[in-house]
Amino acid sequence: MFPDCRNGQKRVLNVGTIPTIQYDFLPDVLRGYWDKLGYDRTVHITVEFTNSLIKGLKEQSYDVVFCSRVPEEGSITFIPVVTKTLVAVVPKDGTYKNLERLSLPQLASIPFATYRETAPIGREVRALLNSSGVKLEPAIGFDDEFSLAGNVAANGDMVGLMLDTFETGPFKDEVNVIPIEGVAADWHPICIAFDSRLIKSAELETLIQSAREKAQVR
């Protein structure tokens, strides 16, 4: 039983996560958590995007979340655990099928899709686009890589800018993933985040420890 049981019920650890790591990082973290505490510990996982996760964290709907860093959230501790790079995705049979790498200034004459600027990752992409020295405006913005890759696969005249994640996998026969010049492999950090003003339970401390141990950021 949990040490903080109330009315005979176990305490549930509520974890929120962005889709990006739900298959290739979070399972390792959970395995480490259960190795330490056993399978009688209950964990609820909810998949949302960063803005919703941060809102839920502040409202205490979540004990901890995995999301993009949001610098303006001063009361929340963000610990980078995974990094992803930004890549370009082009249709295999489209106008840009022979493109082997992309420089940002090329986008001045290429219609492209990327993330919505209301999302933290969208603001990061906007800062990168602004650094190119030319005016670059996406034709459309999305919340996630799956929608982005699907749009590009269906539109032979468009390029997509997105994180290199498993969500491009369903379209591997339809798109090519190519590097963007000047974008580092660790361009985008994904963090474990929690409200530093609150007392952490033993279960939450254990999950944070497991995330640190499995972290791919050193």
Protein backbone atom coordinates (compact mmCIF):
# COMPACT_ATOMS: atom_id res chain seq x y z
CA MET A 1 0.00 0.00 0.00
CA PHE A 2 1.06 3.62 -0.46
CA PRO A 3 2.36 5.29 2.70
CA ASP A 4 -0.11 8.14 2.23
CA CYS A 5 -3.29 6.08 1.78
CA ARG A 6 -6.53 7.82 2.57
CA ASN A 7 -9.84 6.06 3.21
CA GLY A 8 -8.25 2.76 2.24
CA GLN A 9 -7.42 3.93 -1.28
CA LYS A 10 -4.00 3.97 -2.90
CA ARG A 11 -2.57 7.28 -4.02
CA VAL A 12 -2.44 7.52 -7.81
CA LEU A 13 0.52 9.22 -9.47
CA ASN A 14 -0.87 11.33 -12.31
CA VAL A 15 1.61 11.78 -15.15
CA GLY A 16 1.10 13.88 -18.26
CA THR A 17 3.24 13.57 -21.37
CA ILE A 18 3.57 14.95 -24.85
CA PRO A 19 3.20 12.30 -27.58
CA THR A 20 6.86 12.62 -28.59
CA ILE A 21 8.27 10.34 -25.87
CA GLN A 22 5.40 7.99 -25.10
CA TYR A 23 7.02 5.07 -26.99
CA ASP A 24 10.78 5.66 -26.88
CA PHE A 25 11.57 7.12 -23.44
CA LEU A 26 8.65 7.10 -21.02
CA PRO A 27 8.38 3.26 -20.92
CA ASP A 28 11.99 3.07 -19.70
CA VAL A 29 11.26 5.63 -16.99
CA LEU A 30 8.21 3.69 -15.82
CA ARG A 31 10.14 0.42 -15.78
CA GLY A 32 12.75 2.04 -13.55
CA TYR A 33 9.99 3.39 -11.31
CA TRP A 34 8.36 -0.01 -10.85
CA ASP A 35 11.73 -1.69 -10.33
CA LYS A 36 12.16 0.53 -7.28
CA LEU A 37 8.61 0.51 -5.89
CA GLY A 38 6.87 -2.54 -7.32
CA TYR A 39 3.81 -2.94 -9.53
CA ASP A 40 1.32 -2.15 -6.77
CA ARG A 41 2.02 1.52 -7.45
CA THR A 42 -0.69 2.96 -9.69
CA VAL A 43 0.26 5.41 -12.43
CA HIS A 44 -2.20 7.21 -14.71
CA ILE A 45 -0.80 8.49 -18.01
CA THR A 46 -2.46 11.28 -20.02
CA VAL A 47 -1.17 12.37 -23.43
CA GLU A 48 -1.59 16.06 -24.25
CA PHE A 49 0.43 18.97 -25.65
CA THR A 50 2.70 21.20 -23.60
CA ASN A 51 0.33 24.14 -22.99
CA SER A 52 -2.40 21.85 -21.65
CA LEU A 53 0.09 19.88 -19.57
CA ILE A 54 1.47 23.00 -17.92
CA LYS A 55 -2.05 24.23 -17.18
CA GLY A 56 -2.93 20.87 -15.62
CA LEU A 57 0.28 20.83 -13.61
CA LYS A 58 -0.47 24.27 -12.15
CA GLU A 59 -4.02 23.16 -11.33
CA GLN A 60 -2.59 20.01 -9.68
CA SER A 61 -4.37 17.71 -12.12
CA TYR A 62 -0.90 16.21 -12.70
CA ASP A 63 1.87 15.44 -10.26
CA VAL A 64 4.49 15.64 -12.99
CA VAL A 65 4.62 16.13 -16.75
CA PHE A 66 7.01 15.54 -19.65
CA CYS A 67 6.92 18.51 -22.00
CA SER A 68 8.81 21.31 -23.70
CA ARG A 69 10.46 23.91 -21.52
CA VAL A 70 8.38 27.06 -20.92
CA PRO A 71 10.82 29.70 -19.63
CA GLU A 72 8.16 32.08 -18.35
CA GLU A 73 6.82 29.49 -15.88
CA GLY A 74 9.10 30.45 -13.00
CA SER A 75 7.43 28.27 -10.35
CA ILE A 76 7.93 25.09 -12.38
CA THR A 77 11.18 23.14 -12.41
CA PHE A 78 12.17 21.84 -15.85
CA ILE A 79 14.85 19.13 -16.05
CA PRO A 80 15.94 18.20 -19.61
CA VAL A 81 15.87 14.42 -20.12
CA VAL A 82 15.73 13.92 -23.90
CA THR A 83 16.69 16.01 -26.91
CA LYS A 84 15.33 15.90 -30.45
CA THR A 85 16.54 17.56 -33.61
CA LEU A 86 14.49 19.54 -36.11
CA VAL A 87 14.38 18.00 -39.58
CA ALA A 88 12.72 18.63 -42.92
CA VAL A 89 10.25 16.14 -44.35
CA VAL A 90 9.60 16.03 -48.10
CA PRO A 91 7.29 13.80 -50.19
CA LYS A 92 9.19 11.02 -51.95
CA ASP A 93 7.31 11.67 -55.19
CA GLY A 94 6.92 15.43 -54.77
CA THR A 95 8.52 18.55 -56.15
CA TYR A 96 11.44 18.40 -53.69
CA LYS A 97 12.07 14.64 -53.76
CA ASN A 98 15.73 15.13 -54.78
CA LEU A 99 16.49 17.55 -51.94
CA GLU A 100 19.14 15.96 -49.72
CA ARG A 101 19.42 18.73 -47.12
CA LEU A 102 17.71 22.05 -46.52
CA SER A 103 19.06 25.50 -45.74
CA LEU A 104 16.59 27.84 -44.08
CA PRO A 105 16.86 30.59 -46.74
CA GLN A 106 15.57 28.08 -49.32
CA LEU A 107 12.20 28.23 -47.57
CA ALA A 108 11.66 31.73 -48.92
CA SER A 109 10.57 30.09 -52.19
CA ILE A 110 9.16 26.81 -50.82
CA PRO A 111 5.74 26.45 -49.16
CA PHE A 112 6.24 24.78 -45.79
CA ALA A 113 4.36 23.59 -42.74
CA THR A 114 5.55 23.56 -39.15
CA TYR A 115 4.20 23.97 -35.60
CA ARG A 116 1.69 26.57 -34.48
CA GLU A 117 3.39 29.53 -32.80
CA THR A 118 1.05 29.29 -29.81
CA ALA A 119 3.00 26.17 -28.75
CA PRO A 120 6.44 26.39 -27.10
CA ILE A 121 8.01 24.32 -29.89
CA GLY A 122 6.37 26.67 -32.41
CA ARG A 123 8.02 29.65 -30.74
CA GLU A 124 11.38 27.88 -30.92
CA VAL A 125 10.90 27.28 -34.64
CA ARG A 126 9.92 30.92 -35.12
CA ALA A 127 13.14 32.06 -33.45
CA LEU A 128 15.10 29.74 -35.75
CA LEU A 129 13.30 31.05 -38.84
CA ASN A 130 13.96 34.63 -37.76
CA SER A 131 17.68 33.83 -37.50
CA SER A 132 17.80 32.94 -41.21
CA GLY A 133 18.10 36.55 -42.36
CA VAL A 134 15.11 36.28 -44.70
CA LYS A 135 11.37 36.58 -44.13
CA LEU A 136 9.92 33.09 -43.71
CA GLU A 137 6.23 32.37 -43.08
CA PRO A 138 4.73 28.87 -42.89
CA ALA A 139 1.67 28.08 -44.98
CA ILE A 140 0.08 26.13 -42.12
CA GLY A 141 0.77 25.24 -38.49
CA PHE A 142 0.06 22.05 -36.53
CA ASP A 143 0.33 20.81 -32.95
CA ASP A 144 2.10 17.52 -33.59
CA GLU A 145 4.45 15.62 -35.89
CA PHE A 146 1.85 13.08 -37.01
CA SER A 147 -0.43 15.75 -38.46
CA LEU A 148 2.54 17.55 -39.97
CA ALA A 149 3.91 14.45 -41.68
CA GLY A 150 0.44 13.48 -42.94
CA ASN A 151 -0.08 16.91 -44.47
CA VAL A 152 3.29 16.79 -46.24
CA ALA A 153 2.69 13.24 -47.49
CA ALA A 154 -0.59 14.36 -49.06
CA ASN A 155 0.82 17.55 -50.59
CA GLY A 156 3.66 17.04 -53.04
CA ASP A 157 4.54 20.73 -53.22
CA MET A 158 5.14 21.29 -49.51
CA VAL A 159 7.99 20.73 -47.05
CA GLY A 160 7.49 20.10 -43.33
CA LEU A 161 9.69 21.26 -40.45
CA MET A 162 9.26 18.99 -37.43
CA LEU A 163 11.03 17.09 -34.71
CA ASP A 164 12.54 13.79 -35.76
CA THR A 165 10.29 11.41 -33.82
CA PHE A 166 8.50 8.09 -34.19
CA GLU A 167 5.40 9.94 -35.45
CA THR A 168 6.87 10.23 -38.94
CA GLY A 169 7.10 6.41 -39.01
CA PRO A 170 3.63 5.70 -40.44
CA PHE A 171 4.63 7.78 -43.47
CA LYS A 172 8.09 6.25 -44.03
CA ASP A 173 7.06 4.98 -47.47
CA GLU A 174 5.75 8.39 -48.48
CA VAL A 175 8.28 10.93 -47.17
CA ASN A 176 12.02 11.45 -46.88
CA VAL A 177 13.52 12.91 -43.70
CA ILE A 178 16.45 15.24 -44.43
CA PRO A 179 18.72 17.40 -42.23
CA ILE A 180 18.47 21.16 -41.88
CA GLU A 181 21.76 23.01 -42.12
CA GLY A 182 22.90 24.56 -38.86
CA VAL A 183 20.46 22.66 -36.63
CA ALA A 184 22.20 20.63 -33.92
CA ALA A 185 21.18 17.09 -33.01
CA ASP A 186 20.22 18.26 -29.51
CA TRP A 187 18.26 21.28 -30.78
CA HIS A 188 15.08 20.74 -28.74
CA PRO A 189 15.09 19.61 -25.09
CA ILE A 190 12.17 17.67 -23.64
CA CYS A 191 11.89 17.97 -19.87
CA ILE A 192 10.37 16.38 -16.84
CA ALA A 193 8.54 19.21 -15.07
CA PHE A 194 6.99 19.62 -11.64
CA ASP A 195 5.75 22.43 -9.42
CA SER A 196 8.68 23.31 -7.17
CA ARG A 197 6.37 24.98 -4.61
CA LEU A 198 4.71 21.69 -3.63
CA ILE A 199 5.97 18.94 -1.36
CA LYS A 200 6.84 15.91 -3.48
CA SER A 201 5.55 12.48 -2.47
CA ALA A 202 7.91 9.50 -2.27
CA GLU A 203 6.38 8.19 -5.50
CA LEU A 204 7.00 11.45 -7.33
CA GLU A 205 10.58 11.60 -6.04
CA THR A 206 11.12 8.07 -7.33
CA LEU A 207 9.74 8.89 -10.78
CA ILE A 208 11.95 11.97 -11.02
CA GLN A 209 14.95 9.87 -9.98
CA SER A 210 14.10 7.27 -12.63
CA ALA A 211 13.82 9.98 -15.30
CA ARG A 212 17.22 11.35 -14.29
CA GLU A 213 18.77 7.89 -14.48
CA LYS A 214 17.30 7.19 -17.93
CA ALA A 215 18.00 10.70 -19.20
CA GLN A 216 19.68 10.99 -22.58
CA VAL A 217 20.95 14.49 -21.71
CA ARG A 218 24.27 14.75 -19.89
